[in-house]
Amino acid sequence: MNALRARGKPTPTPFDEELEWTFYRLWHHEGRRARMGVSMQGPDYTQWHGFFEVAENFYFKFLPQTRHAAKGDPEVVKAIAKVEAMGEHAWLKGMSPEDRAQIDAFYKERYGLKGVQ
């Protein structure tokens, strides 16, 4: 959002574009519910009513809306790529067979499942 604003992509009028509402909901609505769920030890509000909705809106609404608003602007595209390259988003690329085998080995060892395929 900072990259878009720096390039003058959203209009100066607040909340006149869907992207601005999506961004607001990520932080204030779903994000606030997730943070409150964590602080009050409420797993449903932490996960399903919080972080699940944050992730759903981030990946399926906010990123596509950001790409559309960028209209190919190289600075914004670069900022999006930088965010997507962060470790938190590695799942988008999928796991290599080696990574998957390492995780399987860890859990088989941890839970005593050595002979299980």
PDB file of N, CA and C in Angstrom:
ATOM      1  N   MET A   1       0.833  -1.186   0.000  1.00  0.00           N
ATOM      2  CA  MET A   1       0.000   0.000   0.000  1.00  0.00           C
ATOM      3  C   MET A   1       0.875   1.247   0.000  1.00  0.00           C
ATOM      4  N   ASN A   2       1.995   1.196   0.746  1.00  0.00           N
ATOM      5  CA  ASN A   2       2.907   2.346   0.759  1.00  0.00           C
ATOM      6  C   ASN A   2       3.471   2.620  -0.630  1.00  0.00           C
ATOM      7  N   ALA A   3       3.805   1.547  -1.347  1.00  0.00           N
ATOM      8  CA  ALA A   3       4.344   1.721  -2.701  1.00  0.00           C
ATOM      9  C   ALA A   3       3.300   2.346  -3.619  1.00  0.00           C
ATOM     10  N   LEU A   4       2.058   1.907  -3.495  1.00  0.00           N
ATOM     11  CA  LEU A   4       0.990   2.500  -4.311  1.00  0.00           C
ATOM     12  C   LEU A   4       0.804   3.976  -3.982  1.00  0.00           C
ATOM     13  N   ARG A   5       0.781   4.271  -2.698  1.00  0.00           N
ATOM     14  CA  ARG A   5       0.588   5.669  -2.293  1.00  0.00           C
ATOM     15  C   ARG A   5       1.744   6.550  -2.754  1.00  0.00           C
ATOM     16  N   ALA A   6       2.961   6.025  -2.667  1.00  0.00           N
ATOM     17  CA  ALA A   6       4.133   6.794  -3.091  1.00  0.00           C
ATOM     18  C   ALA A   6       4.082   7.116  -4.583  1.00  0.00           C
ATOM     19  N   ARG A   7       3.416   6.267  -5.351  1.00  0.00           N
ATOM     20  CA  ARG A   7       3.319   6.462  -6.790  1.00  0.00           C
ATOM     21  C   ARG A   7       2.020   7.167  -7.191  1.00  0.00           C
ATOM     22  N   GLY A   8       1.246   7.608  -6.183  1.00  0.00           N
ATOM     23  CA  GLY A   8       0.008   8.337  -6.460  1.00  0.00           C
ATOM     24  C   GLY A   8      -1.085   7.488  -7.055  1.00  0.00           C
ATOM     25  N   LYS A   9      -1.069   6.190  -6.774  1.00  0.00           N
ATOM     26  CA  LYS A   9      -2.063   5.296  -7.390  1.00  0.00           C
ATOM     27  C   LYS A   9      -3.452   5.422  -6.783  1.00  0.00           C
ATOM     28  N   PRO A  10      -3.635   5.317  -5.462  1.00  0.00           N
ATOM     29  CA  PRO A  10      -5.000   5.567  -4.999  1.00  0.00           C
ATOM     30  C   PRO A  10      -5.298   7.060  -5.088  1.00  0.00           C
ATOM     31  N   THR A  11      -6.551   7.384  -5.281  1.00  0.00           N
ATOM     32  CA  THR A  11      -6.926   8.795  -5.325  1.00  0.00           C
ATOM     33  C   THR A  11      -6.716   9.410  -3.940  1.00  0.00           C
ATOM     34  N   PRO A  12      -6.590  10.721  -3.847  1.00  0.00           N
ATOM     35  CA  PRO A  12      -6.405  11.348  -2.537  1.00  0.00           C
ATOM     36  C   PRO A  12      -7.619  11.207  -1.609  1.00  0.00           C
ATOM     37  N   THR A  13      -8.795  10.945  -2.168  1.00  0.00           N
ATOM     38  CA  THR A  13      -9.997  10.791  -1.354  1.00  0.00           C
ATOM     39  C   THR A  13      -9.959   9.439  -0.642  1.00  0.00           C
ATOM     40  N   PRO A  14     -10.021   9.442   0.686  1.00  0.00           N
ATOM     41  CA  PRO A  14      -9.968   8.162   1.402  1.00  0.00           C
ATOM     42  C   PRO A  14     -11.213   7.310   1.174  1.00  0.00           C
ATOM     43  N   PHE A  15     -10.994   6.024   1.065  1.00  0.00           N
ATOM     44  CA  PHE A  15     -12.053   5.014   0.992  1.00  0.00           C
ATOM     45  C   PHE A  15     -13.000   5.182  -0.189  1.00  0.00           C
ATOM     46  N   ASP A  16     -12.485   5.679  -1.286  1.00  0.00           N
ATOM     47  CA  ASP A  16     -13.327   5.747  -2.484  1.00  0.00           C
ATOM     48  C   ASP A  16     -12.988   4.632  -3.467  1.00  0.00           C
ATOM     49  N   GLU A  17     -12.073   3.753  -3.059  1.00  0.00           N
ATOM     50  CA  GLU A  17     -11.697   2.622  -3.901  1.00  0.00           C
ATOM     51  C   GLU A  17     -11.777   1.340  -3.082  1.00  0.00           C
ATOM     52  N   GLU A  18     -12.146   0.254  -3.732  1.00  0.00           N
ATOM     53  CA  GLU A  18     -12.295  -1.032  -3.045  1.00  0.00           C
ATOM     54  C   GLU A  18     -10.990  -1.462  -2.375  1.00  0.00           C
ATOM     55  N   LEU A  19      -9.867  -1.202  -3.011  1.00  0.00           N
ATOM     56  CA  LEU A  19      -8.560  -1.556  -2.452  1.00  0.00           C
ATOM     57  C   LEU A  19      -8.361  -0.956  -1.064  1.00  0.00           C
ATOM     58  N   GLU A  20      -8.770   0.273  -0.870  1.00  0.00           N
ATOM     59  CA  GLU A  20      -8.598   0.923   0.430  1.00  0.00           C
ATOM     60  C   GLU A  20      -9.462   0.256   1.500  1.00  0.00           C
ATOM     61  N   TRP A  21     -10.644  -0.177   1.125  1.00  0.00           N
ATOM     62  CA  TRP A  21     -11.501  -0.883   2.071  1.00  0.00           C
ATOM     63  C   TRP A  21     -10.912  -2.253   2.415  1.00  0.00           C
ATOM     64  N   THR A  22     -10.384  -2.941   1.422  1.00  0.00           N
ATOM     65  CA  THR A  22      -9.774  -4.243   1.675  1.00  0.00           C
ATOM     66  C   THR A  22      -8.589  -4.093   2.621  1.00  0.00           C
ATOM     67  N   PHE A  23      -7.751  -3.099   2.377  1.00  0.00           N
ATOM     68  CA  PHE A  23      -6.599  -2.849   3.233  1.00  0.00           C
ATOM     69  C   PHE A  23      -7.044  -2.536   4.661  1.00  0.00           C
ATOM     70  N   TYR A  24      -8.062  -1.717   4.797  1.00  0.00           N
ATOM     71  CA  TYR A  24      -8.592  -1.364   6.112  1.00  0.00           C
ATOM     72  C   TYR A  24      -9.101  -2.601   6.844  1.00  0.00           C
ATOM     73  N   ARG A  25      -9.849  -3.426   6.130  1.00  0.00           N
ATOM     74  CA  ARG A  25     -10.396  -4.635   6.754  1.00  0.00           C
ATOM     75  C   ARG A  25      -9.293  -5.588   7.192  1.00  0.00           C
ATOM     76  N   LEU A  26      -8.223  -5.675   6.412  1.00  0.00           N
ATOM     77  CA  LEU A  26      -7.110  -6.555   6.799  1.00  0.00           C
ATOM     78  C   LEU A  26      -6.558  -6.170   8.163  1.00  0.00           C
ATOM     79  N   TRP A  27      -6.334  -4.895   8.371  1.00  0.00           N
ATOM     80  CA  TRP A  27      -5.744  -4.455   9.630  1.00  0.00           C
ATOM     81  C   TRP A  27      -6.801  -4.312  10.721  1.00  0.00           C
ATOM     82  N   HIS A  28      -7.852  -3.562  10.437  1.00  0.00           N
ATOM     83  CA  HIS A  28      -8.761  -3.167  11.498  1.00  0.00           C
ATOM     84  C   HIS A  28      -9.802  -4.229  11.829  1.00  0.00           C
ATOM     85  N   HIS A  29     -10.345  -4.875  10.842  1.00  0.00           N
ATOM     86  CA  HIS A  29     -11.447  -5.799  11.109  1.00  0.00           C
ATOM     87  C   HIS A  29     -10.929  -7.203  11.411  1.00  0.00           C
ATOM     88  N   GLU A  30     -10.455  -7.910  10.394  1.00  0.00           N
ATOM     89  CA  GLU A  30      -9.968  -9.267  10.612  1.00  0.00           C
ATOM     90  C   GLU A  30      -8.727  -9.281  11.501  1.00  0.00           C
ATOM     91  N   GLY A  31      -7.811  -8.345  11.247  1.00  0.00           N
ATOM     92  CA  GLY A  31      -6.583  -8.291  12.045  1.00  0.00           C
ATOM     93  C   GLY A  31      -6.861  -8.015  13.511  1.00  0.00           C
ATOM     94  N   ARG A  32      -7.767  -7.117  13.777  1.00  0.00           N
ATOM     95  CA  ARG A  32      -8.119  -6.802  15.170  1.00  0.00           C
ATOM     96  C   ARG A  32      -8.762  -8.001  15.844  1.00  0.00           C
ATOM     97  N   ARG A  33      -9.630  -8.700  15.116  1.00  0.00           N
ATOM     98  CA  ARG A  33     -10.241  -9.909  15.691  1.00  0.00           C
ATOM     99  C   ARG A  33      -9.185 -10.948  16.026  1.00  0.00           C
ATOM    100  N   ALA A  34      -8.213 -11.137  15.114  1.00  0.00           N
ATOM    101  CA  ALA A  34      -7.144 -12.116  15.364  1.00  0.00           C
ATOM    102  C   ALA A  34      -6.320 -11.703  16.579  1.00  0.00           C
ATOM    103  N   ARG A  35      -5.949 -10.438  16.661  1.00  0.00           N
ATOM    104  CA  ARG A  35      -5.142  -9.976  17.799  1.00  0.00           C
ATOM    105  C   ARG A  35      -5.911 -10.106  19.103  1.00  0.00           C
ATOM    106  N   MET A  36      -7.188  -9.779  19.100  1.00  0.00           N
ATOM    107  CA  MET A  36      -8.003  -9.920  20.303  1.00  0.00           C
ATOM    108  C   MET A  36      -8.162 -11.398  20.657  1.00  0.00           C
ATOM    109  N   GLY A  37      -8.342 -12.245  19.650  1.00  0.00           N
ATOM    110  CA  GLY A  37      -8.443 -13.689  19.912  1.00  0.00           C
ATOM    111  C   GLY A  37      -7.191 -14.227  20.574  1.00  0.00           C
ATOM    112  N   VAL A  38      -6.025 -13.773  20.120  1.00  0.00           N
ATOM    113  CA  VAL A  38      -4.764 -14.202  20.735  1.00  0.00           C
ATOM    114  C   VAL A  38      -4.699 -13.714  22.172  1.00  0.00           C
ATOM    115  N   SER A  39      -4.996 -12.434  22.381  1.00  0.00           N
ATOM    116  CA  SER A  39      -4.856 -11.867  23.728  1.00  0.00           C
ATOM    117  C   SER A  39      -5.848 -12.489  24.705  1.00  0.00           C
ATOM    118  N   MET A  40      -7.004 -12.907  24.233  1.00  0.00           N
ATOM    119  CA  MET A  40      -8.022 -13.501  25.107  1.00  0.00           C
ATOM    120  C   MET A  40      -8.004 -15.032  25.053  1.00  0.00           C
ATOM    121  N   GLN A  41      -7.029 -15.588  24.363  1.00  0.00           N
ATOM    122  CA  GLN A  41      -6.862 -17.037  24.221  1.00  0.00           C
ATOM    123  C   GLN A  41      -8.123 -17.698  23.658  1.00  0.00           C
ATOM    124  N   GLY A  42      -8.645 -17.092  22.616  1.00  0.00           N
ATOM    125  CA  GLY A  42      -9.824 -17.629  21.940  1.00  0.00           C
ATOM    126  C   GLY A  42      -9.424 -18.202  20.598  1.00  0.00           C
ATOM    127  N   PRO A  43      -9.214 -19.519  20.506  1.00  0.00           N
ATOM    128  CA  PRO A  43      -8.703 -20.099  19.259  1.00  0.00           C
ATOM    129  C   PRO A  43      -9.579 -19.863  18.036  1.00  0.00           C
ATOM    130  N   ASP A  44     -10.894 -19.890  18.184  1.00  0.00           N
ATOM    131  CA  ASP A  44     -11.752 -19.651  17.020  1.00  0.00           C
ATOM    132  C   ASP A  44     -11.563 -18.241  16.478  1.00  0.00           C
ATOM    133  N   TYR A  45     -11.444 -17.271  17.390  1.00  0.00           N
ATOM    134  CA  TYR A  45     -11.275 -15.889  16.947  1.00  0.00           C
ATOM    135  C   TYR A  45      -9.848 -15.610  16.511  1.00  0.00           C
ATOM    136  N   THR A  46      -8.914 -16.380  17.016  1.00  0.00           N
ATOM    137  CA  THR A  46      -7.540 -16.231  16.554  1.00  0.00           C
ATOM    138  C   THR A  46      -7.417 -16.768  15.137  1.00  0.00           C
ATOM    139  N   GLN A  47      -7.908 -17.977  14.915  1.00  0.00           N
ATOM    140  CA  GLN A  47      -7.690 -18.646  13.637  1.00  0.00           C
ATOM    141  C   GLN A  47      -8.803 -18.369  12.625  1.00  0.00           C
ATOM    142  N   TRP A  48      -9.991 -18.925  12.853  1.00  0.00           N
ATOM    143  CA  TRP A  48     -11.012 -18.906  11.810  1.00  0.00           C
ATOM    144  C   TRP A  48     -11.620 -17.537  11.565  1.00  0.00           C
ATOM    145  N   HIS A  49     -11.853 -16.782  12.629  1.00  0.00           N
ATOM    146  CA  HIS A  49     -12.454 -15.454  12.464  1.00  0.00           C
ATOM    147  C   HIS A  49     -11.390 -14.370  12.388  1.00  0.00           C
ATOM    148  N   GLY A  50     -10.133 -14.752  12.434  1.00  0.00           N
ATOM    149  CA  GLY A  50      -9.040 -13.786  12.428  1.00  0.00           C
ATOM    150  C   GLY A  50      -8.052 -14.047  11.312  1.00  0.00           C
ATOM    151  N   PHE A  51      -7.032 -14.878  11.617  1.00  0.00           N
ATOM    152  CA  PHE A  51      -5.943 -15.056  10.659  1.00  0.00           C
ATOM    153  C   PHE A  51      -6.377 -15.731   9.364  1.00  0.00           C
ATOM    154  N   PHE A  52      -7.373 -16.627   9.421  1.00  0.00           N
ATOM    155  CA  PHE A  52      -7.858 -17.216   8.179  1.00  0.00           C
ATOM    156  C   PHE A  52      -8.410 -16.129   7.263  1.00  0.00           C
ATOM    157  N   GLU A  53      -9.222 -15.230   7.819  1.00  0.00           N
ATOM    158  CA  GLU A  53      -9.807 -14.164   7.002  1.00  0.00           C
ATOM    159  C   GLU A  53      -8.749 -13.151   6.569  1.00  0.00           C
ATOM    160  N   VAL A  54      -7.750 -12.908   7.408  1.00  0.00           N
ATOM    161  CA  VAL A  54      -6.637 -12.039   6.999  1.00  0.00           C
ATOM    162  C   VAL A  54      -5.955 -12.647   5.773  1.00  0.00           C
ATOM    163  N   ALA A  55      -5.618 -13.925   5.860  1.00  0.00           N
ATOM    164  CA  ALA A  55      -4.934 -14.586   4.747  1.00  0.00           C
ATOM    165  C   ALA A  55      -5.813 -14.631   3.501  1.00  0.00           C
ATOM    166  N   GLU A  56      -7.067 -14.992   3.668  1.00  0.00           N
ATOM    167  CA  GLU A  56      -7.980 -15.069   2.521  1.00  0.00           C
ATOM    168  C   GLU A  56      -8.085 -13.722   1.808  1.00  0.00           C
ATOM    169  N   ASN A  57      -8.280 -12.674   2.576  1.00  0.00           N
ATOM    170  CA  ASN A  57      -8.395 -11.352   1.958  1.00  0.00           C
ATOM    171  C   ASN A  57      -7.066 -10.849   1.417  1.00  0.00           C
ATOM    172  N   PHE A  58      -5.970 -11.163   2.067  1.00  0.00           N
ATOM    173  CA  PHE A  58      -4.664 -10.713   1.585  1.00  0.00           C
ATOM    174  C   PHE A  58      -4.334 -11.355   0.238  1.00  0.00           C
ATOM    175  N   TYR A  59      -4.440 -12.677   0.169  1.00  0.00           N
ATOM    176  CA  TYR A  59      -4.029 -13.383  -1.046  1.00  0.00           C
ATOM    177  C   TYR A  59      -5.047 -13.303  -2.183  1.00  0.00           C
ATOM    178  N   PHE A  60      -6.341 -13.306  -1.855  1.00  0.00           N
ATOM    179  CA  PHE A  60      -7.354 -13.405  -2.897  1.00  0.00           C
ATOM    180  C   PHE A  60      -8.072 -12.101  -3.210  1.00  0.00           C
ATOM    181  N   LYS A  61      -7.853 -11.070  -2.389  1.00  0.00           N
ATOM    182  CA  LYS A  61      -8.432  -9.766  -2.683  1.00  0.00           C
ATOM    183  C   LYS A  61      -7.354  -8.688  -2.782  1.00  0.00           C
ATOM    184  N   PHE A  62      -6.601  -8.506  -1.690  1.00  0.00           N
ATOM    185  CA  PHE A  62      -5.666  -7.388  -1.628  1.00  0.00           C
ATOM    186  C   PHE A  62      -4.561  -7.476  -2.687  1.00  0.00           C
ATOM    187  N   LEU A  63      -3.874  -8.614  -2.786  1.00  0.00           N
ATOM    188  CA  LEU A  63      -2.806  -8.710  -3.791  1.00  0.00           C
ATOM    189  C   LEU A  63      -3.321  -8.528  -5.217  1.00  0.00           C
ATOM    190  N   PRO A  64      -4.415  -9.195  -5.615  1.00  0.00           N
ATOM    191  CA  PRO A  64      -4.927  -8.935  -6.972  1.00  0.00           C
ATOM    192  C   PRO A  64      -5.342  -7.475  -7.182  1.00  0.00           C
ATOM    193  N   GLN A  65      -5.974  -6.867  -6.185  1.00  0.00           N
ATOM    194  CA  GLN A  65      -6.371  -5.465  -6.315  1.00  0.00           C
ATOM    195  C   GLN A  65      -5.140  -4.564  -6.413  1.00  0.00           C
ATOM    196  N   THR A  66      -4.100  -4.908  -5.666  1.00  0.00           N
ATOM    197  CA  THR A  66      -2.864  -4.123  -5.706  1.00  0.00           C
ATOM    198  C   THR A  66      -2.214  -4.227  -7.084  1.00  0.00           C
ATOM    199  N   ARG A  67      -2.156  -5.430  -7.618  1.00  0.00           N
ATOM    200  CA  ARG A  67      -1.586  -5.607  -8.965  1.00  0.00           C
ATOM    201  C   ARG A  67      -2.383  -4.812 -10.002  1.00  0.00           C
ATOM    202  N   HIS A  68      -3.687  -4.844  -9.877  1.00  0.00           N
ATOM    203  CA  HIS A  68      -4.537  -4.108 -10.815  1.00  0.00           C
ATOM    204  C   HIS A  68      -4.308  -2.599 -10.689  1.00  0.00           C
ATOM    205  N   ALA A  69      -4.247  -2.105  -9.450  1.00  0.00           N
ATOM    206  CA  ALA A  69      -4.040  -0.669  -9.231  1.00  0.00           C
ATOM    207  C   ALA A  69      -2.662  -0.221  -9.689  1.00  0.00           C
ATOM    208  N   ALA A  70      -1.684  -1.124  -9.622  1.00  0.00           N
ATOM    209  CA  ALA A  70      -0.313  -0.783 -10.022  1.00  0.00           C
ATOM    210  C   ALA A  70      -0.219  -0.499 -11.519  1.00  0.00           C
ATOM    211  N   LYS A  71      -1.063  -1.140 -12.298  1.00  0.00           N
ATOM    212  CA  LYS A  71      -1.052  -0.979 -13.757  1.00  0.00           C
ATOM    213  C   LYS A  71       0.353  -1.134 -14.335  1.00  0.00           C
ATOM    214  N   GLY A  72       1.085  -2.121 -13.807  1.00  0.00           N
ATOM    215  CA  GLY A  72       2.416  -2.417 -14.330  1.00  0.00           C
ATOM    216  C   GLY A  72       3.524  -1.497 -13.863  1.00  0.00           C
ATOM    217  N   ASP A  73       3.247  -0.588 -12.947  1.00  0.00           N
ATOM    218  CA  ASP A  73       4.273   0.326 -12.429  1.00  0.00           C
ATOM    219  C   ASP A  73       5.420  -0.490 -11.839  1.00  0.00           C
ATOM    220  N   PRO A  74       6.650  -0.343 -12.360  1.00  0.00           N
ATOM    221  CA  PRO A  74       7.754  -1.201 -11.921  1.00  0.00           C
ATOM    222  C   PRO A  74       8.085  -1.086 -10.438  1.00  0.00           C
ATOM    223  N   GLU A  75       7.898   0.078  -9.841  1.00  0.00           N
ATOM    224  CA  GLU A  75       8.191   0.239  -8.413  1.00  0.00           C
ATOM    225  C   GLU A  75       7.194  -0.537  -7.551  1.00  0.00           C
ATOM    226  N   VAL A  76       5.941  -0.494  -7.936  1.00  0.00           N
ATOM    227  CA  VAL A  76       4.914  -1.212  -7.181  1.00  0.00           C
ATOM    228  C   VAL A  76       5.066  -2.713  -7.398  1.00  0.00           C
ATOM    229  N   VAL A  77       5.311  -3.118  -8.633  1.00  0.00           N
ATOM    230  CA  VAL A  77       5.526  -4.535  -8.931  1.00  0.00           C
ATOM    231  C   VAL A  77       6.711  -5.064  -8.125  1.00  0.00           C
ATOM    232  N   LYS A  78       7.765  -4.265  -8.021  1.00  0.00           N
ATOM    233  CA  LYS A  78       8.944  -4.649  -7.238  1.00  0.00           C
ATOM    234  C   LYS A  78       8.582  -4.780  -5.754  1.00  0.00           C
ATOM    235  N   ALA A  79       7.777  -3.873  -5.234  1.00  0.00           N
ATOM    236  CA  ALA A  79       7.358  -3.938  -3.823  1.00  0.00           C
ATOM    237  C   ALA A  79       6.516  -5.187  -3.565  1.00  0.00           C
ATOM    238  N   ILE A  80       5.629  -5.524  -4.490  1.00  0.00           N
ATOM    239  CA  ILE A  80       4.812  -6.728  -4.346  1.00  0.00           C
ATOM    240  C   ILE A  80       5.709  -7.960  -4.351  1.00  0.00           C
ATOM    241  N   ALA A  81       6.666  -8.011  -5.265  1.00  0.00           N
ATOM    242  CA  ALA A  81       7.586  -9.149  -5.337  1.00  0.00           C
ATOM    243  C   ALA A  81       8.398  -9.281  -4.049  1.00  0.00           C
ATOM    244  N   LYS A  82       8.779  -8.152  -3.472  1.00  0.00           N
ATOM    245  CA  LYS A  82       9.545  -8.172  -2.214  1.00  0.00           C
ATOM    246  C   LYS A  82       8.707  -8.785  -1.085  1.00  0.00           C
ATOM    247  N   VAL A  83       7.441  -8.422  -1.028  1.00  0.00           N
ATOM    248  CA  VAL A  83       6.553  -8.998  -0.013  1.00  0.00           C
ATOM    249  C   VAL A  83       6.389 -10.495  -0.256  1.00  0.00           C
ATOM    250  N   GLU A  84       6.137 -10.881  -1.492  1.00  0.00           N
ATOM    251  CA  GLU A  84       5.922 -12.297  -1.803  1.00  0.00           C
ATOM    252  C   GLU A  84       7.168 -13.144  -1.577  1.00  0.00           C
ATOM    253  N   ALA A  85       8.349 -12.531  -1.598  1.00  0.00           N
ATOM    254  CA  ALA A  85       9.593 -13.264  -1.384  1.00  0.00           C
ATOM    255  C   ALA A  85       9.872 -13.525   0.095  1.00  0.00           C
ATOM    256  N   MET A  86       9.110 -12.900   0.979  1.00  0.00           N
ATOM    257  CA  MET A  86       9.302 -13.102   2.413  1.00  0.00           C
ATOM    258  C   MET A  86       8.972 -14.547   2.780  1.00  0.00           C
ATOM    259  N   GLY A  87       9.636 -15.050   3.792  1.00  0.00           N
ATOM    260  CA  GLY A  87       9.453 -16.436   4.221  1.00  0.00           C
ATOM    261  C   GLY A  87       8.024 -16.802   4.553  1.00  0.00           C
ATOM    262  N   GLU A  88       7.248 -15.833   5.048  1.00  0.00           N
ATOM    263  CA  GLU A  88       5.862 -16.099   5.420  1.00  0.00           C
ATOM    264  C   GLU A  88       5.002 -16.506   4.224  1.00  0.00           C
ATOM    265  N   HIS A  89       5.457 -16.178   3.039  1.00  0.00           N
ATOM    266  CA  HIS A  89       4.673 -16.451   1.832  1.00  0.00           C
ATOM    267  C   HIS A  89       5.278 -17.589   0.996  1.00  0.00           C
ATOM    268  N   ALA A  90       6.238 -18.308   1.560  1.00  0.00           N
ATOM    269  CA  ALA A  90       6.923 -19.376   0.817  1.00  0.00           C
ATOM    270  C   ALA A  90       5.967 -20.467   0.358  1.00  0.00           C
ATOM    271  N   TRP A  91       4.874 -20.655   1.089  1.00  0.00           N
ATOM    272  CA  TRP A  91       3.923 -21.705   0.730  1.00  0.00           C
ATOM    273  C   TRP A  91       3.347 -21.498  -0.663  1.00  0.00           C
ATOM    274  N   LEU A  92       3.361 -20.248  -1.162  1.00  0.00           N
ATOM    275  CA  LEU A  92       2.826 -19.986  -2.497  1.00  0.00           C
ATOM    276  C   LEU A  92       3.593 -20.733  -3.584  1.00  0.00           C
ATOM    277  N   LYS A  93       4.871 -20.940  -3.334  1.00  0.00           N
ATOM    278  CA  LYS A  93       5.727 -21.614  -4.318  1.00  0.00           C
ATOM    279  C   LYS A  93       5.651 -23.127  -4.214  1.00  0.00           C
ATOM    280  N   GLY A  94       5.123 -23.630  -3.115  1.00  0.00           N
ATOM    281  CA  GLY A  94       5.073 -25.068  -2.894  1.00  0.00           C
ATOM    282  C   GLY A  94       6.383 -25.560  -2.290  1.00  0.00           C
ATOM    283  N   MET A  95       6.398 -26.820  -1.917  1.00  0.00           N
ATOM    284  CA  MET A  95       7.580 -27.405  -1.287  1.00  0.00           C
ATOM    285  C   MET A  95       8.287 -28.320  -2.274  1.00  0.00           C
ATOM    286  N   SER A  96       9.579 -28.352  -2.129  1.00  0.00           N
ATOM    287  CA  SER A  96      10.342 -29.289  -2.945  1.00  0.00           C
ATOM    288  C   SER A  96      10.166 -30.691  -2.357  1.00  0.00           C
ATOM    289  N   PRO A  97      10.390 -31.731  -3.151  1.00  0.00           N
ATOM    290  CA  PRO A  97      10.304 -33.102  -2.604  1.00  0.00           C
ATOM    291  C   PRO A  97      11.275 -33.314  -1.440  1.00  0.00           C
ATOM    292  N   GLU A  98      12.419 -32.658  -1.494  1.00  0.00           N
ATOM    293  CA  GLU A  98      13.393 -32.782  -0.414  1.00  0.00           C
ATOM    294  C   GLU A  98      12.861 -32.168   0.888  1.00  0.00           C
ATOM    295  N   ASP A  99      12.246 -30.979   0.770  1.00  0.00           N
ATOM    296  CA  ASP A  99      11.663 -30.329   1.952  1.00  0.00           C
ATOM    297  C   ASP A  99      10.559 -31.193   2.550  1.00  0.00           C
ATOM    298  N   ARG A 100       9.718 -31.754   1.693  1.00  0.00           N
ATOM    299  CA  ARG A 100       8.615 -32.594   2.166  1.00  0.00           C
ATOM    300  C   ARG A 100       9.149 -33.842   2.859  1.00  0.00           C
ATOM    301  N   ALA A 101      10.187 -34.458   2.297  1.00  0.00           N
ATOM    302  CA  ALA A 101      10.789 -35.656   2.906  1.00  0.00           C
ATOM    303  C   ALA A 101      11.392 -35.321   4.266  1.00  0.00           C
ATOM    304  N   GLN A 102      11.999 -34.160   4.387  1.00  0.00           N
ATOM    305  CA  GLN A 102      12.584 -33.733   5.656  1.00  0.00           C
ATOM    306  C   GLN A 102      11.499 -33.551   6.727  1.00  0.00           C
ATOM    307  N   ILE A 103      10.386 -32.963   6.355  1.00  0.00           N
ATOM    308  CA  ILE A 103       9.281 -32.789   7.299  1.00  0.00           C
ATOM    309  C   ILE A 103       8.694 -34.142   7.687  1.00  0.00           C
ATOM    310  N   ASP A 104       8.493 -35.014   6.707  1.00  0.00           N
ATOM    311  CA  ASP A 104       7.973 -36.354   7.001  1.00  0.00           C
ATOM    312  C   ASP A 104       8.892 -37.095   7.965  1.00  0.00           C
ATOM    313  N   ALA A 105      10.191 -37.025   7.733  1.00  0.00           N
ATOM    314  CA  ALA A 105      11.162 -37.695   8.601  1.00  0.00           C
ATOM    315  C   ALA A 105      11.100 -37.138  10.024  1.00  0.00           C
ATOM    316  N   PHE A 106      10.969 -35.830  10.143  1.00  0.00           N
ATOM    317  CA  PHE A 106      10.881 -35.204  11.459  1.00  0.00           C
ATOM    318  C   PHE A 106       9.684 -35.749  12.241  1.00  0.00           C
ATOM    319  N   TYR A 107       8.511 -35.782  11.617  1.00  0.00           N
ATOM    320  CA  TYR A 107       7.317 -36.226  12.324  1.00  0.00           C
ATOM    321  C   TYR A 107       7.328 -37.727  12.596  1.00  0.00           C
ATOM    322  N   LYS A 108       7.880 -38.504  11.698  1.00  0.00           N
ATOM    323  CA  LYS A 108       7.992 -39.944  11.952  1.00  0.00           C
ATOM    324  C   LYS A 108       8.894 -40.202  13.153  1.00  0.00           C
ATOM    325  N   GLU A 109       9.981 -39.460  13.245  1.00  0.00           N
ATOM    326  CA  GLU A 109      10.888 -39.582  14.387  1.00  0.00           C
ATOM    327  C   GLU A 109      10.204 -39.092  15.664  1.00  0.00           C
ATOM    328  N   ARG A 110       9.576 -37.972  15.594  1.00  0.00           N
ATOM    329  CA  ARG A 110       8.943 -37.368  16.779  1.00  0.00           C
ATOM    330  C   ARG A 110       7.843 -38.246  17.358  1.00  0.00           C
ATOM    331  N   TYR A 111       7.038 -38.851  16.495  1.00  0.00           N
ATOM    332  CA  TYR A 111       5.896 -39.621  16.969  1.00  0.00           C
ATOM    333  C   TYR A 111       6.100 -41.133  16.868  1.00  0.00           C
ATOM    334  N   GLY A 112       7.341 -41.547  16.665  1.00  0.00           N
ATOM    335  CA  GLY A 112       7.648 -42.971  16.666  1.00  0.00           C
ATOM    336  C   GLY A 112       6.995 -43.729  15.533  1.00  0.00           C
ATOM    337  N   LEU A 113       6.988 -43.170  14.356  1.00  0.00           N
ATOM    338  CA  LEU A 113       6.346 -43.794  13.198  1.00  0.00           C
ATOM    339  C   LEU A 113       7.371 -44.295  12.190  1.00  0.00           C
ATOM    340  N   LYS A 114       8.466 -44.867  12.682  1.00  0.00           N
ATOM    341  CA  LYS A 114       9.586 -45.220  11.790  1.00  0.00           C
ATOM    342  C   LYS A 114       9.206 -46.186  10.673  1.00  0.00           C
ATOM    343  N   GLY A 115       8.345 -47.138  10.912  1.00  0.00           N
ATOM    344  CA  GLY A 115       8.010 -48.107   9.870  1.00  0.00           C
ATOM    345  C   GLY A 115       6.812 -47.703   9.013  1.00  0.00           C
ATOM    346  N   VAL A 116       6.242 -46.553   9.267  1.00  0.00           N
ATOM    347  CA  VAL A 116       5.036 -46.113   8.558  1.00  0.00           C
ATOM    348  C   VAL A 116       5.416 -45.430   7.251  1.00  0.00           C
ATOM    349  N   GLN A 117       4.689 -45.765   6.208  1.00  0.00           N
ATOM    350  CA  GLN A 117       4.938 -45.133   4.899  1.00  0.00           C
ATOM    351  C   GLN A 117       4.056 -43.966   4.684  1.00  0.00           C
TER     352      GLN A 117
END
